Amino acid sequence: MKNIAKKHIFLTCALALLLGFGGCGVTVKYSLSGASIPPDAKTFSVAYFPNNATMVSPILSSTMTDALVDIFSRRTRLMQVDEGGDFAFEGEIVNYTSTTASVSSDDYAVLNRLTITIKVRFTNAVDESASWNKTFTAYEDYDSTLLLTEVEGDLIPQIVDKLATDIFMASASNW
């Protein structure tokens, strides 16, 4: 019985401390997703990412654009607007290539690599100093016995997910 009373007192004190710090005028920015969004930011916008690479995949532009919208909708409290969001993203796909990633001792390709590179312009309307222009690259390897057309439907979403996560972390997590 004494242990239960001690735990109850400890939990009550810990809760009181947490609540006490909540009213001291310090704005804490945190979330379970790792996002660090300024409290004044309310909206985000993502412009369509055109594919300006030499090699083009028909699904890549829409997949990239949708992935950015999805990650910010799921992981933040920001509301999506068509344009001019407090967090605004524009960009273009600049590279979409398949190259040899690994060669056997007989000089035959064992693995190929699909690489996607995008340029992103991020505007933080709440804190202009946090705005940036960056290039992001991600890739996935695939068996060289397969044609790119056979695997790109599976690889593109995997690569785009990596890119969207990197963009999210760069814009919303201060790294």
N, C-alpha and C. Protein backbone atom coordinates (compact mmCIF):
# COMPACT_ATOMS: atom_id res chain seq x y z
N MET A 1 0.81 -1.19 0.00
CA MET A 1 0.00 0.00 0.00
C MET A 1 0.85 1.25 0.00
N LYS A 2 1.98 1.23 0.74
CA LYS A 2 2.84 2.39 0.81
C LYS A 2 3.47 2.69 -0.55
N ASN A 3 3.83 1.65 -1.32
CA ASN A 3 4.42 1.84 -2.64
C ASN A 3 3.44 2.53 -3.58
N ILE A 4 2.19 2.15 -3.50
CA ILE A 4 1.17 2.77 -4.36
C ILE A 4 1.03 4.24 -4.00
N ALA A 5 1.04 4.58 -2.74
CA ALA A 5 0.92 5.98 -2.31
C ALA A 5 2.14 6.78 -2.78
N LYS A 6 3.33 6.20 -2.69
CA LYS A 6 4.54 6.90 -3.14
C LYS A 6 4.48 7.15 -4.65
N LYS A 7 4.04 6.16 -5.41
CA LYS A 7 3.92 6.33 -6.86
C LYS A 7 2.91 7.41 -7.19
N HIS A 8 1.80 7.44 -6.46
CA HIS A 8 0.76 8.43 -6.70
C HIS A 8 1.30 9.84 -6.42
N ILE A 9 2.03 10.00 -5.33
CA ILE A 9 2.60 11.31 -4.98
C ILE A 9 3.63 11.72 -6.02
N PHE A 10 4.48 10.78 -6.44
CA PHE A 10 5.50 11.08 -7.45
C PHE A 10 4.86 11.52 -8.76
N LEU A 11 3.84 10.78 -9.22
CA LEU A 11 3.17 11.12 -10.47
C LEU A 11 2.46 12.47 -10.37
N THR A 12 1.86 12.75 -9.22
CA THR A 12 1.19 14.03 -9.02
C THR A 12 2.19 15.17 -9.08
N CYS A 13 3.35 15.01 -8.44
CA CYS A 13 4.39 16.05 -8.47
C CYS A 13 4.94 16.24 -9.87
N ALA A 14 5.17 15.14 -10.57
CA ALA A 14 5.70 15.23 -11.94
C ALA A 14 4.71 15.96 -12.85
N LEU A 15 3.44 15.66 -12.71
CA LEU A 15 2.40 16.31 -13.50
C LEU A 15 2.34 17.80 -13.16
N ALA A 16 2.43 18.13 -11.89
CA ALA A 16 2.40 19.53 -11.47
C ALA A 16 3.59 20.30 -12.05
N LEU A 17 4.75 19.68 -12.06
CA LEU A 17 5.93 20.32 -12.64
C LEU A 17 5.74 20.57 -14.13
N LEU A 18 5.25 19.56 -14.84
CA LEU A 18 5.03 19.72 -16.27
C LEU A 18 4.02 20.82 -16.56
N LEU A 19 2.94 20.85 -15.82
CA LEU A 19 1.93 21.88 -16.02
C LEU A 19 2.46 23.25 -15.63
N GLY A 20 3.29 23.30 -14.61
CA GLY A 20 3.88 24.56 -14.18
C GLY A 20 4.78 25.16 -15.24
N PHE A 21 5.56 24.32 -15.91
CA PHE A 21 6.44 24.82 -16.96
C PHE A 21 5.65 25.24 -18.20
N GLY A 22 4.48 24.70 -18.37
CA GLY A 22 3.67 25.04 -19.53
C GLY A 22 3.23 26.49 -19.54
N GLY A 23 3.13 27.14 -18.40
CA GLY A 23 2.66 28.51 -18.35
C GLY A 23 3.76 29.53 -18.16
N CYS A 24 5.02 29.19 -18.40
CA CYS A 24 6.09 30.13 -18.13
C CYS A 24 6.47 30.97 -19.33
N GLY A 25 5.69 30.95 -20.39
CA GLY A 25 5.92 31.83 -21.52
C GLY A 25 6.91 31.30 -22.55
N VAL A 26 7.39 30.10 -22.40
CA VAL A 26 8.32 29.52 -23.36
C VAL A 26 7.51 28.71 -24.37
N THR A 27 7.72 29.00 -25.65
CA THR A 27 7.03 28.26 -26.68
C THR A 27 7.88 27.06 -27.07
N VAL A 28 7.33 25.90 -26.88
CA VAL A 28 8.04 24.67 -27.20
C VAL A 28 7.47 24.13 -28.50
N LYS A 29 8.36 23.82 -29.45
CA LYS A 29 7.93 23.27 -30.73
C LYS A 29 8.36 21.81 -30.77
N TYR A 30 7.40 20.90 -30.77
CA TYR A 30 7.74 19.49 -30.84
C TYR A 30 6.58 18.69 -31.37
N SER A 31 6.87 17.51 -31.79
CA SER A 31 5.83 16.57 -32.17
C SER A 31 6.45 15.19 -32.17
N LEU A 32 5.61 14.19 -32.18
CA LEU A 32 6.10 12.82 -32.20
C LEU A 32 6.68 12.43 -33.55
N SER A 33 6.38 13.23 -34.59
CA SER A 33 6.88 12.93 -35.93
C SER A 33 8.29 13.46 -36.15
N GLY A 34 8.82 14.22 -35.20
CA GLY A 34 10.13 14.83 -35.38
C GLY A 34 10.05 16.21 -35.97
N ALA A 35 8.85 16.68 -36.27
CA ALA A 35 8.69 18.00 -36.86
C ALA A 35 8.87 19.08 -35.81
N SER A 36 9.46 20.18 -36.25
CA SER A 36 9.65 21.35 -35.40
C SER A 36 9.08 22.53 -36.17
N ILE A 37 7.78 22.70 -36.11
CA ILE A 37 7.07 23.71 -36.89
C ILE A 37 6.84 24.93 -36.01
N PRO A 38 7.19 26.13 -36.51
CA PRO A 38 6.92 27.33 -35.72
C PRO A 38 5.42 27.46 -35.44
N PRO A 39 5.04 27.92 -34.25
CA PRO A 39 3.62 28.01 -33.90
C PRO A 39 2.83 28.92 -34.84
N ASP A 40 3.48 29.92 -35.45
CA ASP A 40 2.78 30.85 -36.34
C ASP A 40 2.51 30.25 -37.72
N ALA A 41 3.15 29.16 -38.06
CA ALA A 41 2.92 28.51 -39.36
C ALA A 41 1.60 27.75 -39.30
N LYS A 42 0.74 28.03 -40.24
CA LYS A 42 -0.58 27.40 -40.27
C LYS A 42 -0.84 26.58 -41.53
N THR A 43 -0.14 26.93 -42.65
CA THR A 43 -0.46 26.31 -43.93
C THR A 43 0.81 25.84 -44.65
N PHE A 44 0.61 24.97 -45.63
CA PHE A 44 1.69 24.57 -46.53
C PHE A 44 1.13 24.44 -47.93
N SER A 45 2.01 24.63 -48.91
CA SER A 45 1.62 24.44 -50.31
C SER A 45 2.74 23.71 -51.04
N VAL A 46 2.33 22.88 -52.00
CA VAL A 46 3.28 22.12 -52.81
C VAL A 46 2.91 22.33 -54.27
N ALA A 47 3.80 23.00 -55.01
CA ALA A 47 3.57 23.17 -56.45
C ALA A 47 3.93 21.86 -57.16
N TYR A 48 3.34 21.68 -58.33
CA TYR A 48 3.60 20.49 -59.13
C TYR A 48 5.08 20.43 -59.49
N PHE A 49 5.72 19.26 -59.33
CA PHE A 49 7.13 19.07 -59.63
C PHE A 49 7.28 18.52 -61.05
N PRO A 50 7.58 19.37 -62.03
CA PRO A 50 7.71 18.86 -63.40
C PRO A 50 8.96 17.99 -63.55
N ASN A 51 8.90 17.05 -64.48
CA ASN A 51 10.04 16.17 -64.74
C ASN A 51 10.83 16.77 -65.90
N ASN A 52 11.95 17.42 -65.58
CA ASN A 52 12.82 18.03 -66.58
C ASN A 52 14.07 17.20 -66.82
N ALA A 53 14.05 15.94 -66.41
CA ALA A 53 15.18 15.04 -66.64
C ALA A 53 15.20 14.61 -68.10
N THR A 54 16.34 14.15 -68.55
CA THR A 54 16.47 13.66 -69.93
C THR A 54 15.59 12.44 -70.14
N MET A 55 15.60 11.53 -69.19
CA MET A 55 14.75 10.34 -69.24
C MET A 55 13.52 10.62 -68.36
N VAL A 56 12.34 10.29 -68.85
CA VAL A 56 11.12 10.67 -68.14
C VAL A 56 10.26 9.44 -67.84
N SER A 57 9.72 9.42 -66.63
CA SER A 57 8.72 8.42 -66.27
C SER A 57 7.38 9.14 -66.12
N PRO A 58 6.34 8.65 -66.74
CA PRO A 58 5.05 9.34 -66.70
C PRO A 58 4.45 9.51 -65.30
N ILE A 59 4.78 8.61 -64.35
CA ILE A 59 4.17 8.69 -63.02
C ILE A 59 4.99 9.50 -62.02
N LEU A 60 6.22 9.86 -62.38
CA LEU A 60 7.14 10.43 -61.40
C LEU A 60 6.71 11.79 -60.85
N SER A 61 6.31 12.71 -61.71
CA SER A 61 5.94 14.06 -61.24
C SER A 61 4.78 14.02 -60.27
N SER A 62 3.73 13.33 -60.63
CA SER A 62 2.56 13.28 -59.74
C SER A 62 2.87 12.50 -58.47
N THR A 63 3.68 11.44 -58.57
CA THR A 63 4.03 10.66 -57.38
C THR A 63 4.83 11.51 -56.40
N MET A 64 5.79 12.31 -56.91
CA MET A 64 6.60 13.17 -56.04
C MET A 64 5.76 14.25 -55.38
N THR A 65 4.93 14.91 -56.16
CA THR A 65 4.08 15.98 -55.64
C THR A 65 3.13 15.42 -54.57
N ASP A 66 2.48 14.32 -54.87
CA ASP A 66 1.54 13.72 -53.93
C ASP A 66 2.23 13.25 -52.65
N ALA A 67 3.46 12.74 -52.76
CA ALA A 67 4.18 12.27 -51.58
C ALA A 67 4.49 13.42 -50.63
N LEU A 68 4.86 14.58 -51.16
CA LEU A 68 5.12 15.74 -50.30
C LEU A 68 3.85 16.21 -49.60
N VAL A 69 2.76 16.27 -50.34
CA VAL A 69 1.48 16.66 -49.74
C VAL A 69 1.12 15.68 -48.64
N ASP A 70 1.27 14.40 -48.92
CA ASP A 70 0.90 13.35 -47.97
C ASP A 70 1.72 13.43 -46.68
N ILE A 71 3.02 13.59 -46.79
CA ILE A 71 3.86 13.58 -45.59
C ILE A 71 3.57 14.79 -44.70
N PHE A 72 3.32 15.96 -45.30
CA PHE A 72 3.01 17.13 -44.49
C PHE A 72 1.60 17.06 -43.92
N SER A 73 0.68 16.46 -44.64
CA SER A 73 -0.68 16.29 -44.12
C SER A 73 -0.72 15.32 -42.94
N ARG A 74 0.06 14.24 -43.04
CA ARG A 74 0.07 13.22 -41.99
C ARG A 74 0.89 13.61 -40.77
N ARG A 75 2.02 14.29 -40.97
CA ARG A 75 2.96 14.49 -39.87
C ARG A 75 2.94 15.87 -39.24
N THR A 76 2.12 16.77 -39.75
CA THR A 76 2.07 18.11 -39.16
C THR A 76 0.63 18.54 -38.96
N ARG A 77 0.45 19.64 -38.28
CA ARG A 77 -0.87 20.22 -38.09
C ARG A 77 -1.19 21.24 -39.18
N LEU A 78 -0.25 21.44 -40.13
CA LEU A 78 -0.43 22.43 -41.18
C LEU A 78 -1.56 22.03 -42.12
N MET A 79 -2.29 23.04 -42.58
CA MET A 79 -3.39 22.81 -43.53
C MET A 79 -2.86 23.11 -44.94
N GLN A 80 -3.24 22.27 -45.89
CA GLN A 80 -2.78 22.47 -47.26
C GLN A 80 -3.58 23.58 -47.94
N VAL A 81 -2.88 24.46 -48.67
CA VAL A 81 -3.49 25.47 -49.52
C VAL A 81 -2.89 25.31 -50.91
N ASP A 82 -3.57 25.84 -51.92
CA ASP A 82 -3.11 25.67 -53.30
C ASP A 82 -1.77 26.35 -53.57
N GLU A 83 -1.58 27.55 -53.02
CA GLU A 83 -0.31 28.25 -53.21
C GLU A 83 -0.11 29.27 -52.10
N GLY A 84 1.14 29.69 -51.92
CA GLY A 84 1.45 30.71 -50.93
C GLY A 84 1.34 30.26 -49.49
N GLY A 85 1.61 28.99 -49.21
CA GLY A 85 1.56 28.50 -47.84
C GLY A 85 2.68 29.07 -46.99
N ASP A 86 2.50 29.01 -45.68
CA ASP A 86 3.57 29.44 -44.77
C ASP A 86 4.83 28.61 -45.02
N PHE A 87 4.65 27.34 -45.35
CA PHE A 87 5.72 26.47 -45.83
C PHE A 87 5.37 26.19 -47.29
N ALA A 88 6.16 26.70 -48.22
CA ALA A 88 5.87 26.53 -49.65
C ALA A 88 7.00 25.78 -50.34
N PHE A 89 6.62 24.80 -51.15
CA PHE A 89 7.59 23.96 -51.86
C PHE A 89 7.38 24.07 -53.36
N GLU A 90 8.47 24.30 -54.08
CA GLU A 90 8.48 24.29 -55.53
C GLU A 90 9.71 23.49 -55.93
N GLY A 91 9.71 23.01 -57.15
CA GLY A 91 10.91 22.31 -57.58
C GLY A 91 10.73 21.62 -58.89
N GLU A 92 11.73 20.82 -59.23
CA GLU A 92 11.71 20.08 -60.48
C GLU A 92 12.54 18.82 -60.34
N ILE A 93 12.16 17.84 -61.12
CA ILE A 93 12.94 16.60 -61.19
C ILE A 93 14.02 16.84 -62.25
N VAL A 94 15.28 16.71 -61.86
CA VAL A 94 16.37 17.04 -62.78
C VAL A 94 17.15 15.82 -63.26
N ASN A 95 16.96 14.68 -62.59
CA ASN A 95 17.69 13.48 -63.00
C ASN A 95 16.86 12.24 -62.73
N TYR A 96 16.80 11.38 -63.71
CA TYR A 96 16.13 10.08 -63.60
C TYR A 96 16.95 9.14 -64.46
N THR A 97 17.82 8.36 -63.81
CA THR A 97 18.74 7.52 -64.58
C THR A 97 18.83 6.12 -64.01
N SER A 98 19.15 5.19 -64.89
CA SER A 98 19.43 3.82 -64.50
C SER A 98 20.86 3.53 -64.93
N THR A 99 21.69 3.12 -63.97
CA THR A 99 23.09 2.83 -64.23
C THR A 99 23.47 1.50 -63.61
N THR A 100 24.61 0.99 -63.98
CA THR A 100 25.12 -0.24 -63.39
C THR A 100 25.63 0.06 -61.99
N ALA A 101 25.19 -0.72 -61.03
CA ALA A 101 25.59 -0.51 -59.63
C ALA A 101 26.62 -1.52 -59.17
N SER A 102 26.59 -2.72 -59.74
CA SER A 102 27.51 -3.78 -59.31
C SER A 102 27.83 -4.67 -60.51
N VAL A 103 29.10 -5.05 -60.60
CA VAL A 103 29.56 -5.87 -61.72
C VAL A 103 30.17 -7.16 -61.15
N SER A 104 29.91 -8.26 -61.85
CA SER A 104 30.48 -9.55 -61.42
C SER A 104 31.94 -9.64 -61.83
N SER A 105 32.60 -10.68 -61.40
CA SER A 105 34.02 -10.88 -61.76
C SER A 105 34.17 -11.12 -63.27
N ASP A 106 33.09 -11.49 -63.93
CA ASP A 106 33.12 -11.72 -65.39
C ASP A 106 32.76 -10.45 -66.16
N ASP A 107 32.71 -9.33 -65.48
CA ASP A 107 32.36 -8.04 -66.07
C ASP A 107 30.92 -7.96 -66.58
N TYR A 108 30.03 -8.69 -65.94
CA TYR A 108 28.61 -8.59 -66.25
C TYR A 108 27.90 -7.82 -65.13
N ALA A 109 26.94 -7.02 -65.51
CA ALA A 109 26.18 -6.26 -64.52
C ALA A 109 25.37 -7.22 -63.66
N VAL A 110 25.46 -7.04 -62.35
CA VAL A 110 24.69 -7.85 -61.41
C VAL A 110 23.50 -7.05 -60.90
N LEU A 111 23.77 -5.79 -60.59
CA LEU A 111 22.73 -4.89 -60.10
C LEU A 111 22.73 -3.60 -60.90
N ASN A 112 21.56 -3.07 -61.13
CA ASN A 112 21.41 -1.74 -61.71
C ASN A 112 20.84 -0.83 -60.63
N ARG A 113 20.99 0.47 -60.83
CA ARG A 113 20.54 1.44 -59.84
C ARG A 113 19.68 2.50 -60.52
N LEU A 114 18.47 2.67 -60.02
CA LEU A 114 17.61 3.77 -60.47
C LEU A 114 17.81 4.93 -59.51
N THR A 115 18.23 6.08 -60.04
CA THR A 115 18.52 7.26 -59.24
C THR A 115 17.60 8.40 -59.67
N ILE A 116 17.05 9.09 -58.68
CA ILE A 116 16.20 10.25 -58.94
C ILE A 116 16.78 11.43 -58.16
N THR A 117 16.92 12.56 -58.84
CA THR A 117 17.42 13.78 -58.22
C THR A 117 16.41 14.89 -58.45
N ILE A 118 16.11 15.62 -57.38
CA ILE A 118 15.18 16.75 -57.51
C ILE A 118 15.79 18.00 -56.87
N LYS A 119 15.47 19.14 -57.46
CA LYS A 119 15.83 20.43 -56.88
C LYS A 119 14.58 20.97 -56.21
N VAL A 120 14.74 21.46 -54.98
CA VAL A 120 13.60 21.96 -54.22
C VAL A 120 13.90 23.37 -53.72
N ARG A 121 12.91 24.25 -53.88
CA ARG A 121 12.96 25.59 -53.30
C ARG A 121 11.92 25.63 -52.19
N PHE A 122 12.40 25.79 -50.97
CA PHE A 122 11.53 25.85 -49.80
C PHE A 122 11.48 27.28 -49.29
N THR A 123 10.28 27.80 -49.18
CA THR A 123 10.09 29.15 -48.63
C THR A 123 9.35 29.03 -47.32
N ASN A 124 9.97 29.54 -46.27
CA ASN A 124 9.36 29.59 -44.95
C ASN A 124 8.92 31.03 -44.73
N ALA A 125 7.63 31.30 -44.92
CA ALA A 125 7.11 32.66 -44.82
C ALA A 125 7.13 33.18 -43.39
N VAL A 126 7.19 32.31 -42.41
CA VAL A 126 7.22 32.71 -41.00
C VAL A 126 8.63 33.12 -40.59
N ASP A 127 9.62 32.43 -41.12
CA ASP A 127 11.03 32.71 -40.80
C ASP A 127 11.85 32.60 -42.08
N GLU A 128 12.00 33.71 -42.80
CA GLU A 128 12.71 33.72 -44.09
C GLU A 128 14.11 33.13 -44.00
N SER A 129 14.77 33.27 -42.85
CA SER A 129 16.14 32.74 -42.71
C SER A 129 16.17 31.21 -42.78
N ALA A 130 15.03 30.57 -42.61
CA ALA A 130 14.96 29.11 -42.66
C ALA A 130 14.65 28.61 -44.08
N SER A 131 14.45 29.52 -45.03
CA SER A 131 14.19 29.14 -46.43
C SER A 131 15.48 28.62 -47.06
N TRP A 132 15.35 27.77 -48.09
CA TRP A 132 16.53 27.21 -48.74
C TRP A 132 16.22 26.70 -50.14
N ASN A 133 17.31 26.49 -50.90
CA ASN A 133 17.30 25.79 -52.19
C ASN A 133 18.26 24.62 -52.03
N LYS A 134 17.77 23.41 -52.25
CA LYS A 134 18.62 22.24 -52.08
C LYS A 134 18.33 21.21 -53.17
N THR A 135 19.29 20.34 -53.36
CA THR A 135 19.13 19.21 -54.27
C THR A 135 19.13 17.93 -53.45
N PHE A 136 18.19 17.05 -53.75
CA PHE A 136 18.05 15.78 -53.04
C PHE A 136 18.16 14.63 -54.04
N THR A 137 18.87 13.59 -53.64
CA THR A 137 19.04 12.42 -54.49
C THR A 137 18.77 11.16 -53.66
N ALA A 138 18.09 10.21 -54.29
CA ALA A 138 17.85 8.91 -53.66
C ALA A 138 17.85 7.85 -54.76
N TYR A 139 18.07 6.61 -54.37
CA TYR A 139 18.14 5.54 -55.36
C TYR A 139 17.68 4.22 -54.75
N GLU A 140 17.44 3.27 -55.64
CA GLU A 140 17.17 1.87 -55.29
C GLU A 140 17.87 1.00 -56.32
N ASP A 141 18.43 -0.10 -55.87
CA ASP A 141 19.07 -1.06 -56.77
C ASP A 141 18.07 -2.13 -57.17
N TYR A 142 18.28 -2.69 -58.37
CA TYR A 142 17.42 -3.78 -58.84
C TYR A 142 18.26 -4.76 -59.67
N ASP A 143 17.75 -5.96 -59.76
CA ASP A 143 18.44 -7.04 -60.47
C ASP A 143 18.62 -6.67 -61.94
N SER A 144 19.84 -6.84 -62.44
CA SER A 144 20.15 -6.43 -63.81
C SER A 144 19.50 -7.32 -64.87
N THR A 145 18.94 -8.45 -64.46
CA THR A 145 18.23 -9.29 -65.43
C THR A 145 16.85 -8.74 -65.75
N LEU A 146 16.41 -7.74 -64.98
CA LEU A 146 15.10 -7.14 -65.20
C LEU A 146 15.24 -5.83 -65.97
N LEU A 147 14.24 -5.54 -66.77
CA LEU A 147 14.20 -4.26 -67.47
C LEU A 147 13.69 -3.18 -66.52
N LEU A 148 14.14 -1.95 -66.74
CA LEU A 148 13.67 -0.84 -65.91
C LEU A 148 12.15 -0.73 -65.96
N THR A 149 11.58 -0.93 -67.12
CA THR A 149 10.12 -0.83 -67.25
C THR A 149 9.38 -1.87 -66.41
N GLU A 150 10.07 -2.97 -66.08
CA GLU A 150 9.46 -4.01 -65.25
C GLU A 150 9.46 -3.65 -63.77
N VAL A 151 10.40 -2.82 -63.34
CA VAL A 151 10.57 -2.57 -61.91
C VAL A 151 10.28 -1.14 -61.48
N GLU A 152 10.22 -0.20 -62.42
CA GLU A 152 10.08 1.20 -62.01
C GLU A 152 8.77 1.48 -61.29
N GLY A 153 7.72 0.74 -61.57
CA GLY A 153 6.46 0.92 -60.86
C GLY A 153 6.57 0.64 -59.37
N ASP A 154 7.49 -0.25 -59.00
CA ASP A 154 7.75 -0.55 -57.58
C ASP A 154 8.84 0.36 -57.01
N LEU A 155 9.86 0.66 -57.81
CA LEU A 155 11.00 1.43 -57.32
C LEU A 155 10.69 2.92 -57.12
N ILE A 156 9.93 3.50 -58.03
CA ILE A 156 9.64 4.94 -57.94
C ILE A 156 9.00 5.31 -56.60
N PRO A 157 7.93 4.62 -56.16
CA PRO A 157 7.36 4.98 -54.85
C PRO A 157 8.35 4.84 -53.69
N GLN A 158 9.24 3.84 -53.74
CA GLN A 158 10.23 3.66 -52.69
C GLN A 158 11.22 4.83 -52.67
N ILE A 159 11.68 5.22 -53.84
CA ILE A 159 12.65 6.32 -53.94
C ILE A 159 11.98 7.64 -53.56
N VAL A 160 10.79 7.85 -54.05
CA VAL A 160 10.06 9.09 -53.75
C VAL A 160 9.78 9.21 -52.25
N ASP A 161 9.50 8.10 -51.60
CA ASP A 161 9.29 8.11 -50.15
C ASP A 161 10.55 8.59 -49.43
N LYS A 162 11.72 8.13 -49.87
CA LYS A 162 12.98 8.58 -49.29
C LYS A 162 13.16 10.08 -49.51
N LEU A 163 12.89 10.53 -50.73
CA LEU A 163 13.05 11.95 -51.06
C LEU A 163 12.10 12.82 -50.23
N ALA A 164 10.84 12.41 -50.14
CA ALA A 164 9.86 13.17 -49.37
C ALA A 164 10.26 13.24 -47.90
N THR A 165 10.76 12.15 -47.35
CA THR A 165 11.22 12.14 -45.96
C THR A 165 12.40 13.09 -45.77
N ASP A 166 13.35 13.07 -46.70
CA ASP A 166 14.50 13.98 -46.61
C ASP A 166 14.07 15.44 -46.68
N ILE A 167 13.14 15.74 -47.57
CA ILE A 167 12.63 17.12 -47.70
C ILE A 167 11.89 17.53 -46.44
N PHE A 168 11.08 16.63 -45.92
CA PHE A 168 10.35 16.90 -44.68
C PHE A 168 11.33 17.21 -43.55
N MET A 169 12.35 16.37 -43.41
CA MET A 169 13.32 16.57 -42.33
C MET A 169 14.08 17.88 -42.50
N ALA A 170 14.44 18.22 -43.73
CA ALA A 170 15.20 19.44 -44.00
C ALA A 170 14.37 20.70 -43.72
N SER A 171 13.08 20.63 -43.94
CA SER A 171 12.24 21.83 -43.78
C SER A 171 11.55 21.91 -42.44
N ALA A 172 11.23 20.81 -41.84
CA ALA A 172 10.42 20.82 -40.62
C ALA A 172 11.14 20.33 -39.39
N SER A 173 12.40 19.94 -39.53
CA SER A 173 13.09 19.38 -38.37
C SER A 173 14.42 20.06 -38.09
N ASN A 174 14.69 21.16 -38.77
CA ASN A 174 15.89 21.97 -38.51
C ASN A 174 17.18 21.18 -38.55
N TRP A 175 17.39 20.38 -39.59
CA TRP A 175 18.69 19.68 -39.71
C TRP A 175 19.36 20.03 -41.00
